[in-house]
């Protein structure tokens, strides 16, 4: 009788064990998947820094349980957040800038980042609607980041926004690469 009740309890214990282990297993799978996607992205586009890719994606819990399309949405969202925060940062810098050249550089960057925010909002909508102008919108963000970077190369200050520009370029390059993965997969 005791052996029979033990046999009937074992499946229940096993189910409890699985439910306790599932988040860790899913998380480990997610981290492995992120690493693989980032390695694949770097092979596809050497401008992507693997450490940036892995660190950025692993920092977002949702990325541990999604596929490439979900990672694409995450990176596009992160790029939009970056551009929005940088726009606010540029406005703060502009309010304390003393030199006309610095104000001109910041104005160039503010215009570029305002356009980037608009393009990135359009990117999310274009992807959701399955339209084909995602690449063009992401390309315009890259162009804006390059304009901002170039504005500071013309001055003596170095770039006050070097890190922000680099992060945006990495996020957009990663988003472009993931978009290519998704569209290539959809064609097959």
N, C-alpha and C. Protein backbone atom coordinates (compact mmCIF):
# COMPACT_ATOMS: atom_id res chain seq x y z
N UNK A 1 0.82 -1.20 0.00
CA UNK A 1 0.00 0.00 0.00
C UNK A 1 0.87 1.26 0.00
N UNK A 2 1.94 1.27 0.80
CA UNK A 2 2.83 2.43 0.85
C UNK A 2 3.54 2.62 -0.48
N UNK A 3 3.93 1.53 -1.12
CA UNK A 3 4.60 1.61 -2.41
C UNK A 3 3.65 2.17 -3.47
N UNK A 4 2.38 1.77 -3.36
CA UNK A 4 1.39 2.25 -4.32
C UNK A 4 1.13 3.75 -4.16
N UNK A 5 1.07 4.24 -2.93
CA UNK A 5 0.85 5.68 -2.73
C UNK A 5 2.09 6.48 -3.12
N UNK A 6 3.29 5.88 -2.95
CA UNK A 6 4.52 6.55 -3.37
C UNK A 6 4.54 6.70 -4.89
N UNK A 7 4.10 5.66 -5.60
CA UNK A 7 4.06 5.70 -7.05
C UNK A 7 3.07 6.77 -7.53
N UNK A 8 1.96 6.94 -6.84
CA UNK A 8 0.98 7.94 -7.26
C UNK A 8 1.43 9.36 -6.92
N UNK A 9 2.33 9.53 -5.96
CA UNK A 9 2.84 10.85 -5.57
C UNK A 9 4.01 11.27 -6.46
N UNK A 10 4.77 10.31 -6.99
CA UNK A 10 5.94 10.63 -7.79
C UNK A 10 5.65 11.55 -8.98
N UNK A 11 4.61 11.31 -9.76
CA UNK A 11 4.35 12.24 -10.87
C UNK A 11 4.09 13.67 -10.38
N UNK A 12 3.41 13.80 -9.26
CA UNK A 12 3.15 15.13 -8.71
C UNK A 12 4.44 15.81 -8.29
N UNK A 13 5.34 15.07 -7.64
CA UNK A 13 6.64 15.61 -7.23
C UNK A 13 7.44 16.01 -8.47
N UNK A 14 7.39 15.19 -9.49
CA UNK A 14 8.11 15.50 -10.73
C UNK A 14 7.57 16.79 -11.37
N UNK A 15 6.26 16.95 -11.40
CA UNK A 15 5.67 18.18 -11.96
C UNK A 15 6.07 19.41 -11.15
N UNK A 16 6.08 19.29 -9.84
CA UNK A 16 6.51 20.40 -8.99
C UNK A 16 7.98 20.73 -9.29
N UNK A 17 8.81 19.70 -9.42
CA UNK A 17 10.23 19.91 -9.72
C UNK A 17 10.39 20.64 -11.06
N UNK A 18 9.63 20.22 -12.07
CA UNK A 18 9.72 20.87 -13.38
C UNK A 18 9.27 22.32 -13.32
N UNK A 19 8.21 22.59 -12.57
CA UNK A 19 7.73 23.97 -12.50
C UNK A 19 8.72 24.87 -11.79
N UNK A 20 9.48 24.33 -10.86
CA UNK A 20 10.50 25.11 -10.17
C UNK A 20 11.71 25.31 -11.09
N UNK A 21 12.04 24.34 -11.92
CA UNK A 21 13.22 24.41 -12.77
C UNK A 21 12.99 25.19 -14.07
N UNK A 22 11.76 25.28 -14.52
CA UNK A 22 11.49 25.85 -15.83
C UNK A 22 12.04 27.25 -16.03
N UNK A 23 11.87 28.21 -15.11
CA UNK A 23 12.42 29.54 -15.36
C UNK A 23 13.94 29.53 -15.55
N UNK A 24 14.64 28.73 -14.77
CA UNK A 24 16.10 28.68 -14.91
C UNK A 24 16.49 28.05 -16.25
N UNK A 25 15.79 27.00 -16.61
CA UNK A 25 16.09 26.33 -17.87
C UNK A 25 15.77 27.27 -19.04
N UNK A 26 14.63 27.95 -18.96
CA UNK A 26 14.26 28.90 -20.02
C UNK A 26 15.27 30.03 -20.09
N UNK A 27 15.71 30.52 -18.93
CA UNK A 27 16.68 31.60 -18.90
C UNK A 27 18.01 31.15 -19.50
N UNK A 28 18.45 29.95 -19.16
CA UNK A 28 19.70 29.43 -19.71
C UNK A 28 19.58 29.27 -21.22
N UNK A 29 18.43 28.77 -21.67
CA UNK A 29 18.19 28.65 -23.12
C UNK A 29 18.22 30.03 -23.76
N UNK A 30 17.58 31.00 -23.11
CA UNK A 30 17.54 32.37 -23.65
C UNK A 30 18.92 32.97 -23.79
N UNK A 31 19.75 32.78 -22.78
CA UNK A 31 21.11 33.32 -22.81
C UNK A 31 21.92 32.64 -23.92
N UNK A 32 21.77 31.34 -24.05
CA UNK A 32 22.46 30.61 -25.12
C UNK A 32 21.97 31.10 -26.48
N UNK A 33 20.67 31.29 -26.61
CA UNK A 33 20.10 31.76 -27.87
C UNK A 33 20.61 33.17 -28.21
N UNK A 34 20.64 34.04 -27.21
CA UNK A 34 21.15 35.40 -27.42
C UNK A 34 22.60 35.35 -27.88
N UNK A 35 23.41 34.54 -27.23
CA UNK A 35 24.81 34.41 -27.64
C UNK A 35 24.93 33.95 -29.09
N UNK A 36 24.11 32.96 -29.48
CA UNK A 36 24.15 32.46 -30.85
C UNK A 36 23.71 33.53 -31.85
N UNK A 37 22.64 34.24 -31.53
CA UNK A 37 22.15 35.29 -32.42
C UNK A 37 23.20 36.39 -32.56
N UNK A 38 23.83 36.77 -31.45
CA UNK A 38 24.85 37.82 -31.51
C UNK A 38 26.05 37.37 -32.33
N UNK A 39 26.47 36.12 -32.18
CA UNK A 39 27.58 35.61 -32.99
C UNK A 39 27.20 35.62 -34.47
N UNK A 40 25.98 35.21 -34.76
CA UNK A 40 25.50 35.21 -36.14
C UNK A 40 25.44 36.64 -36.69
N UNK A 41 24.99 37.57 -35.85
CA UNK A 41 24.91 38.97 -36.27
C UNK A 41 26.29 39.53 -36.60
N UNK A 42 27.28 39.20 -35.78
CA UNK A 42 28.65 39.67 -36.01
C UNK A 42 29.21 39.08 -37.30
N UNK A 43 28.90 37.81 -37.56
CA UNK A 43 29.36 37.20 -38.82
C UNK A 43 28.70 37.89 -40.01
N UNK A 44 27.47 38.30 -39.83
CA UNK A 44 26.74 38.95 -40.91
C UNK A 44 27.16 40.41 -41.09
N UNK A 45 27.50 41.07 -39.98
CA UNK A 45 27.89 42.48 -40.04
C UNK A 45 29.00 42.73 -39.02
N UNK A 46 30.24 42.82 -39.47
CA UNK A 46 31.38 42.97 -38.55
C UNK A 46 31.39 44.31 -37.80
N UNK A 47 30.48 45.23 -38.14
CA UNK A 47 30.40 46.49 -37.40
C UNK A 47 29.72 46.31 -36.04
N UNK A 48 29.09 45.17 -35.83
CA UNK A 48 28.44 44.88 -34.56
C UNK A 48 29.48 44.35 -33.59
N UNK A 49 29.47 44.88 -32.39
CA UNK A 49 30.37 44.40 -31.35
C UNK A 49 29.63 43.33 -30.55
N UNK A 50 30.18 42.13 -30.52
CA UNK A 50 29.49 41.00 -29.90
C UNK A 50 29.21 41.28 -28.42
N UNK A 51 30.14 41.88 -27.71
CA UNK A 51 29.91 42.17 -26.29
C UNK A 51 28.75 43.13 -26.11
N UNK A 52 28.67 44.14 -26.96
CA UNK A 52 27.56 45.09 -26.90
C UNK A 52 26.24 44.37 -27.14
N UNK A 53 26.21 43.54 -28.15
CA UNK A 53 25.00 42.79 -28.51
C UNK A 53 24.54 41.92 -27.34
N UNK A 54 25.44 41.11 -26.83
CA UNK A 54 25.09 40.17 -25.75
C UNK A 54 24.65 40.93 -24.50
N UNK A 55 25.44 41.90 -24.08
CA UNK A 55 25.13 42.64 -22.86
C UNK A 55 23.80 43.37 -22.99
N UNK A 56 23.58 44.00 -24.12
CA UNK A 56 22.35 44.75 -24.34
C UNK A 56 21.13 43.84 -24.30
N UNK A 57 21.19 42.74 -25.03
CA UNK A 57 20.03 41.85 -25.08
C UNK A 57 19.81 41.11 -23.77
N UNK A 58 20.87 40.67 -23.12
CA UNK A 58 20.70 39.95 -21.87
C UNK A 58 20.13 40.84 -20.76
N UNK A 59 20.30 42.15 -20.88
CA UNK A 59 19.78 43.07 -19.87
C UNK A 59 18.26 43.20 -19.92
N UNK A 60 17.66 42.75 -21.00
CA UNK A 60 16.20 42.84 -21.16
C UNK A 60 15.61 41.45 -20.91
N UNK A 61 14.89 41.27 -19.80
CA UNK A 61 14.38 39.94 -19.46
C UNK A 61 13.55 39.29 -20.56
N UNK A 62 12.77 40.08 -21.30
CA UNK A 62 11.93 39.52 -22.36
C UNK A 62 12.76 38.86 -23.46
N UNK A 63 14.00 39.28 -23.61
CA UNK A 63 14.83 38.72 -24.68
C UNK A 63 15.21 37.27 -24.42
N UNK A 64 15.07 36.82 -23.19
CA UNK A 64 15.45 35.45 -22.83
C UNK A 64 14.41 34.44 -23.28
N UNK A 65 13.22 34.92 -23.65
CA UNK A 65 12.14 34.00 -24.00
C UNK A 65 11.52 34.31 -25.36
N UNK A 66 12.27 34.94 -26.23
CA UNK A 66 11.71 35.31 -27.53
C UNK A 66 12.61 34.81 -28.66
N UNK A 67 12.11 34.95 -29.84
CA UNK A 67 12.87 34.56 -31.04
C UNK A 67 13.39 35.81 -31.73
N UNK A 68 13.90 35.68 -32.94
CA UNK A 68 14.54 36.79 -33.64
C UNK A 68 13.60 37.98 -33.82
N UNK A 69 12.36 37.73 -34.19
CA UNK A 69 11.40 38.83 -34.36
C UNK A 69 11.21 39.62 -33.08
N UNK A 70 11.17 38.92 -31.96
CA UNK A 70 11.06 39.60 -30.67
C UNK A 70 12.31 40.38 -30.34
N UNK A 71 13.47 39.82 -30.66
CA UNK A 71 14.73 40.54 -30.43
C UNK A 71 14.80 41.79 -31.30
N UNK A 72 14.27 41.70 -32.51
CA UNK A 72 14.21 42.85 -33.40
C UNK A 72 13.38 43.97 -32.76
N UNK A 73 12.22 43.62 -32.24
CA UNK A 73 11.37 44.63 -31.59
C UNK A 73 12.08 45.22 -30.37
N UNK A 74 12.79 44.39 -29.63
CA UNK A 74 13.51 44.87 -28.44
C UNK A 74 14.60 45.85 -28.84
N UNK A 75 15.40 45.51 -29.85
CA UNK A 75 16.50 46.41 -30.23
C UNK A 75 15.96 47.71 -30.83
N UNK A 76 14.87 47.62 -31.59
CA UNK A 76 14.27 48.85 -32.13
C UNK A 76 13.75 49.73 -31.00
N UNK A 77 13.15 49.10 -29.99
CA UNK A 77 12.68 49.86 -28.82
C UNK A 77 13.82 50.49 -28.05
N UNK A 78 14.91 49.74 -27.90
CA UNK A 78 16.09 50.28 -27.20
C UNK A 78 16.70 51.44 -27.99
N UNK A 79 16.73 51.33 -29.30
CA UNK A 79 17.25 52.42 -30.13
C UNK A 79 16.38 53.67 -29.97
N UNK A 80 15.07 53.47 -29.93
CA UNK A 80 14.15 54.60 -29.73
C UNK A 80 14.37 55.24 -28.37
N UNK A 81 14.52 54.43 -27.33
CA UNK A 81 14.80 54.96 -25.98
C UNK A 81 16.11 55.74 -25.98
N UNK A 82 17.13 55.18 -26.62
CA UNK A 82 18.44 55.84 -26.69
C UNK A 82 18.31 57.19 -27.38
N UNK A 83 17.66 57.23 -28.52
CA UNK A 83 17.52 58.48 -29.27
C UNK A 83 16.72 59.51 -28.48
N UNK A 84 15.67 59.07 -27.81
CA UNK A 84 14.85 59.99 -27.00
C UNK A 84 15.65 60.57 -25.84
N UNK A 85 16.37 59.71 -25.12
CA UNK A 85 17.20 60.19 -24.00
C UNK A 85 18.30 61.12 -24.49
N UNK A 86 18.89 60.78 -25.63
CA UNK A 86 19.97 61.62 -26.16
C UNK A 86 19.43 62.98 -26.59
N UNK A 87 18.22 63.02 -27.14
CA UNK A 87 17.60 64.29 -27.49
C UNK A 87 17.47 65.18 -26.25
N UNK A 88 17.01 64.59 -25.15
CA UNK A 88 16.90 65.35 -23.89
C UNK A 88 18.27 65.81 -23.41
N UNK A 89 19.27 64.94 -23.53
CA UNK A 89 20.63 65.27 -23.11
C UNK A 89 21.20 66.42 -23.94
N UNK A 90 20.95 66.39 -25.24
CA UNK A 90 21.43 67.46 -26.13
C UNK A 90 20.80 68.80 -25.71
N UNK A 91 19.52 68.78 -25.40
CA UNK A 91 18.84 70.02 -24.97
C UNK A 91 19.49 70.56 -23.70
N UNK A 92 19.83 69.68 -22.76
CA UNK A 92 20.49 70.13 -21.53
C UNK A 92 21.87 70.70 -21.83
N UNK A 93 22.62 70.02 -22.68
CA UNK A 93 23.95 70.52 -23.06
C UNK A 93 23.83 71.88 -23.74
N UNK A 94 22.86 72.02 -24.61
CA UNK A 94 22.68 73.27 -25.34
C UNK A 94 22.37 74.43 -24.40
N UNK A 95 21.66 74.15 -23.33
CA UNK A 95 21.30 75.23 -22.39
C UNK A 95 22.50 75.75 -21.61
N UNK A 96 23.58 74.97 -21.54
CA UNK A 96 24.77 75.42 -20.81
C UNK A 96 25.96 75.69 -21.73
N UNK A 97 25.81 75.43 -23.02
CA UNK A 97 26.91 75.64 -23.97
C UNK A 97 27.21 77.13 -24.10
N UNK A 98 28.47 77.46 -24.13
CA UNK A 98 28.90 78.86 -24.22
C UNK A 98 29.34 79.25 -25.62
N UNK A 99 30.01 78.37 -26.28
CA UNK A 99 30.60 78.69 -27.58
C UNK A 99 29.57 78.52 -28.70
N UNK A 100 29.63 79.45 -29.65
CA UNK A 100 28.72 79.38 -30.80
C UNK A 100 28.91 78.09 -31.59
N UNK A 101 30.17 77.66 -31.73
CA UNK A 101 30.45 76.44 -32.48
C UNK A 101 29.80 75.24 -31.80
N UNK A 102 29.91 75.17 -30.48
CA UNK A 102 29.30 74.05 -29.75
C UNK A 102 27.79 74.09 -29.90
N UNK A 103 27.19 75.26 -29.82
CA UNK A 103 25.74 75.37 -30.00
C UNK A 103 25.33 74.90 -31.40
N UNK A 104 26.13 75.27 -32.39
CA UNK A 104 25.85 74.85 -33.77
C UNK A 104 25.95 73.32 -33.89
N UNK A 105 26.97 72.75 -33.28
CA UNK A 105 27.13 71.29 -33.31
C UNK A 105 25.95 70.61 -32.62
N UNK A 106 25.58 71.13 -31.47
CA UNK A 106 24.47 70.55 -30.72
C UNK A 106 23.16 70.69 -31.50
N UNK A 107 22.98 71.80 -32.19
CA UNK A 107 21.77 72.00 -32.99
C UNK A 107 21.72 70.98 -34.13
N UNK A 108 22.86 70.73 -34.76
CA UNK A 108 22.93 69.71 -35.81
C UNK A 108 22.52 68.35 -35.24
N UNK A 109 23.05 68.04 -34.06
CA UNK A 109 22.74 66.75 -33.44
C UNK A 109 21.29 66.68 -32.99
N UNK A 110 20.77 67.79 -32.46
CA UNK A 110 19.37 67.80 -32.03
C UNK A 110 18.45 67.53 -33.22
N UNK A 111 18.71 68.18 -34.33
CA UNK A 111 17.90 67.93 -35.53
C UNK A 111 18.02 66.47 -35.98
N UNK A 112 19.23 65.94 -35.96
CA UNK A 112 19.45 64.55 -36.37
C UNK A 112 18.73 63.58 -35.43
N UNK A 113 18.81 63.83 -34.13
CA UNK A 113 18.18 62.93 -33.17
C UNK A 113 16.67 63.06 -33.16
N UNK A 114 16.14 64.27 -33.39
CA UNK A 114 14.68 64.40 -33.52
C UNK A 114 14.19 63.60 -34.72
N UNK A 115 14.93 63.67 -35.82
CA UNK A 115 14.57 62.87 -37.00
C UNK A 115 14.71 61.38 -36.70
N UNK A 116 15.72 61.01 -35.91
CA UNK A 116 15.92 59.60 -35.55
C UNK A 116 14.75 59.08 -34.73
N UNK A 117 14.29 59.88 -33.77
CA UNK A 117 13.14 59.46 -32.95
C UNK A 117 11.94 59.21 -33.86
N UNK A 118 11.68 60.13 -34.76
CA UNK A 118 10.55 59.99 -35.69
C UNK A 118 10.71 58.74 -36.57
N UNK A 119 11.90 58.54 -37.10
CA UNK A 119 12.15 57.37 -37.96
C UNK A 119 12.01 56.07 -37.18
N UNK A 120 12.51 56.06 -35.95
CA UNK A 120 12.42 54.83 -35.14
C UNK A 120 10.99 54.53 -34.75
N UNK A 121 10.19 55.55 -34.49
CA UNK A 121 8.77 55.32 -34.24
C UNK A 121 8.12 54.73 -35.49
N UNK A 122 8.49 55.26 -36.64
CA UNK A 122 7.99 54.73 -37.90
C UNK A 122 8.47 53.33 -38.19
N UNK A 123 9.68 53.01 -37.72
CA UNK A 123 10.23 51.66 -37.92
C UNK A 123 9.38 50.63 -37.21
N UNK A 124 9.03 50.91 -35.97
CA UNK A 124 8.21 49.97 -35.20
C UNK A 124 6.86 49.77 -35.88
N UNK A 125 6.27 50.86 -36.35
CA UNK A 125 4.98 50.76 -37.04
C UNK A 125 5.12 50.01 -38.36
N UNK A 126 6.19 50.30 -39.10
CA UNK A 126 6.41 49.63 -40.39
C UNK A 126 6.63 48.14 -40.20
N UNK A 127 7.37 47.77 -39.17
CA UNK A 127 7.61 46.35 -38.91
C UNK A 127 6.31 45.66 -38.53
N UNK A 128 5.54 46.30 -37.65
CA UNK A 128 4.27 45.72 -37.22
C UNK A 128 3.31 45.56 -38.39
N UNK A 129 3.35 46.49 -39.34
CA UNK A 129 2.46 46.44 -40.50
C UNK A 129 3.03 45.61 -41.64
N UNK A 130 4.23 45.07 -41.44
CA UNK A 130 4.89 44.24 -42.47
C UNK A 130 5.17 45.02 -43.75
N UNK A 131 5.49 46.30 -43.63
CA UNK A 131 5.84 47.07 -44.82
C UNK A 131 7.34 46.95 -45.06
N UNK A 132 7.78 47.45 -46.18
CA UNK A 132 9.16 47.22 -46.59
C UNK A 132 10.08 48.42 -46.39
N UNK A 133 9.61 49.47 -45.72
CA UNK A 133 10.47 50.64 -45.57
C UNK A 133 11.24 50.66 -44.25
N UNK A 134 11.29 49.54 -43.57
CA UNK A 134 12.03 49.45 -42.31
C UNK A 134 13.50 49.77 -42.55
N UNK A 135 14.09 49.18 -43.56
CA UNK A 135 15.52 49.41 -43.85
C UNK A 135 15.79 50.88 -44.15
N UNK A 136 14.91 51.52 -44.90
CA UNK A 136 15.10 52.94 -45.23
C UNK A 136 15.04 53.80 -43.98
N UNK A 137 14.11 53.50 -43.10
CA UNK A 137 13.98 54.28 -41.86
C UNK A 137 15.22 54.08 -40.98
N UNK A 138 15.67 52.85 -40.86
CA UNK A 138 16.87 52.58 -40.06
C UNK A 138 18.10 53.22 -40.69
N UNK A 139 18.16 53.21 -42.01
CA UNK A 139 19.27 53.86 -42.70
C UNK A 139 19.30 55.36 -42.44
N UNK A 140 18.12 55.98 -42.36
CA UNK A 140 18.08 57.42 -42.09
C UNK A 140 18.55 57.72 -40.67
N UNK A 141 18.31 56.81 -39.74
CA UNK A 141 18.82 56.99 -38.37
C UNK A 141 20.35 56.93 -38.39
N UNK A 142 20.89 55.97 -39.13
CA UNK A 142 22.35 55.86 -39.25
C UNK A 142 22.93 57.14 -39.86
N UNK A 143 22.26 57.67 -40.87
CA UNK A 143 22.73 58.91 -41.50
C UNK A 143 22.73 60.07 -40.50
N UNK A 144 21.68 60.15 -39.69
CA UNK A 144 21.60 61.21 -38.68
C UNK A 144 22.71 61.10 -37.65
N UNK A 145 23.00 59.89 -37.22
CA UNK A 145 24.09 59.68 -36.25
C UNK A 145 25.42 60.10 -36.88
N UNK A 146 25.59 59.80 -38.16
CA UNK A 146 26.83 60.19 -38.86
C UNK A 146 26.93 61.71 -38.98
N UNK A 147 25.81 62.38 -39.23
CA UNK A 147 25.80 63.85 -39.31
C UNK A 147 26.21 64.46 -37.97
N UNK A 148 25.68 63.92 -36.91
CA UNK A 148 26.00 64.41 -35.57
C UNK A 148 27.48 64.20 -35.28
N UNK A 149 27.96 63.03 -35.59
CA UNK A 149 29.37 62.72 -35.37
C UNK A 149 30.27 63.66 -36.19
N UNK A 150 29.89 63.89 -37.43
CA UNK A 150 30.67 64.77 -38.31
C UNK A 150 30.67 66.21 -37.80
N UNK A 151 29.56 66.65 -37.24
CA UNK A 151 29.49 68.02 -36.71
C UNK A 151 30.54 68.24 -35.64
N UNK A 152 30.76 67.24 -34.81
CA UNK A 152 31.76 67.39 -33.75
C UNK A 152 33.18 67.20 -34.26
N UNK A 153 33.35 66.51 -35.37
CA UNK A 153 34.69 66.36 -35.93
C UNK A 153 35.22 67.68 -36.47
N UNK A 154 34.31 68.59 -36.79
CA UNK A 154 34.71 69.88 -37.33
C UNK A 154 35.12 70.88 -36.25
N UNK A 155 34.91 70.54 -35.00
CA UNK A 155 35.24 71.46 -33.92
C UNK A 155 36.44 71.01 -33.12
N UNK A 156 36.76 71.78 -32.10
CA UNK A 156 37.90 71.46 -31.24
C UNK A 156 37.50 70.71 -29.98
N UNK A 157 36.23 70.50 -29.78
CA UNK A 157 35.74 69.94 -28.53
C UNK A 157 35.79 68.42 -28.47
N UNK A 158 36.06 67.77 -29.58
CA UNK A 158 35.84 66.34 -29.59
C UNK A 158 34.33 66.15 -29.53
N UNK A 159 33.86 64.96 -29.51
CA UNK A 159 32.42 64.76 -29.46
C UNK A 159 31.93 64.67 -28.03
N UNK A 160 31.01 65.56 -27.72
CA UNK A 160 30.36 65.51 -26.41
C UNK A 160 29.38 64.35 -26.36
N UNK A 161 29.08 63.79 -27.51
CA UNK A 161 28.07 62.74 -27.62
C UNK A 161 28.63 61.43 -28.18
N UNK A 162 29.93 61.23 -28.07
CA UNK A 162 30.56 60.06 -28.68
C UNK A 162 29.92 58.75 -28.22
N UNK A 163 29.70 58.60 -26.93
CA UNK A 163 29.13 57.35 -26.42
C UNK A 163 27.70 57.17 -26.90
N UNK A 164 26.92 58.23 -26.87
CA UNK A 164 25.52 58.15 -27.31
C UNK A 164 25.44 57.79 -28.79
N UNK A 165 26.30 58.43 -29.59
CA UNK A 165 26.32 58.14 -31.03
C UNK A 165 26.71 56.69 -31.27
N UNK A 166 27.74 56.23 -30.59
CA UNK A 166 28.20 54.85 -30.74
C UNK A 166 27.11 53.86 -30.36
N UNK A 167 26.44 54.11 -29.24
CA UNK A 167 25.37 53.20 -28.79
C UNK A 167 24.22 53.17 -29.78
N UNK A 168 23.82 54.35 -30.28
CA UNK A 168 22.73 54.37 -31.25
C UNK A 168 23.12 53.63 -32.52
N UNK A 169 24.32 53.86 -32.99
CA UNK A 169 24.76 53.17 -34.21
C UNK A 169 24.78 51.66 -34.01
N UNK A 170 25.26 51.20 -32.86
CA UNK A 170 25.28 49.76 -32.58
C UNK A 170 23.86 49.20 -32.53
N UNK A 171 22.96 49.90 -31.83
CA UNK A 171 21.58 49.42 -31.72
C UNK A 171 20.90 49.38 -33.09
N UNK A 172 21.11 50.39 -33.90
CA UNK A 172 20.47 50.43 -35.21
C UNK A 172 21.09 49.38 -36.14
N UNK A 173 22.39 49.22 -36.09
CA UNK A 173 23.04 48.19 -36.91
C UNK A 173 22.54 46.80 -36.52
N UNK A 174 22.40 46.57 -35.23
CA UNK A 174 21.88 45.29 -34.75
C UNK A 174 20.42 45.12 -35.20
N UNK A 175 19.63 46.17 -35.09
CA UNK A 175 18.23 46.10 -35.54
C UNK A 175 18.16 45.81 -37.03
N UNK A 176 19.00 46.47 -37.82
CA UNK A 176 19.02 46.20 -39.27
C UNK A 176 19.38 44.74 -39.55
N UNK A 177 20.35 44.24 -38.85
CA UNK A 177 20.80 42.86 -39.07
C UNK A 177 19.71 41.88 -38.68
N UNK A 178 19.07 42.10 -37.53
CA UNK A 178 17.98 41.22 -37.11
C UNK A 178 16.81 41.30 -38.09
N UNK A 179 16.55 42.49 -38.61
CA UNK A 179 15.48 42.63 -39.60
C UNK A 179 15.79 41.80 -40.85
N UNK A 180 17.03 41.81 -41.26
CA UNK A 180 17.43 40.99 -42.42
C UNK A 180 17.26 39.50 -42.12
N UNK A 181 17.57 39.09 -40.88
CA UNK A 181 17.37 37.69 -40.50
C UNK A 181 15.89 37.33 -40.61
N UNK A 182 15.03 38.20 -40.10
CA UNK A 182 13.59 37.93 -40.10
C UNK A 182 13.06 37.89 -41.53
N UNK A 183 13.43 38.87 -42.35
CA UNK A 183 12.90 38.89 -43.72
C UNK A 183 13.45 37.73 -44.55
N UNK A 184 14.69 37.35 -44.31
CA UNK A 184 15.26 36.19 -45.01
C UNK A 184 14.51 34.93 -44.61
N UNK A 185 14.19 34.80 -43.33
CA UNK A 185 13.47 33.63 -42.83
C UNK A 185 12.05 33.60 -43.41
N UNK A 186 11.43 34.77 -43.57
CA UNK A 186 10.06 34.82 -44.10
C UNK A 186 10.01 34.41 -45.56
N UNK A 187 11.11 34.62 -46.30
CA UNK A 187 11.15 34.27 -47.72
C UNK A 187 11.28 32.77 -47.94
N UNK A 188 11.79 32.05 -46.93
CA UNK A 188 12.01 30.61 -47.09
C UNK A 188 10.86 29.81 -46.56
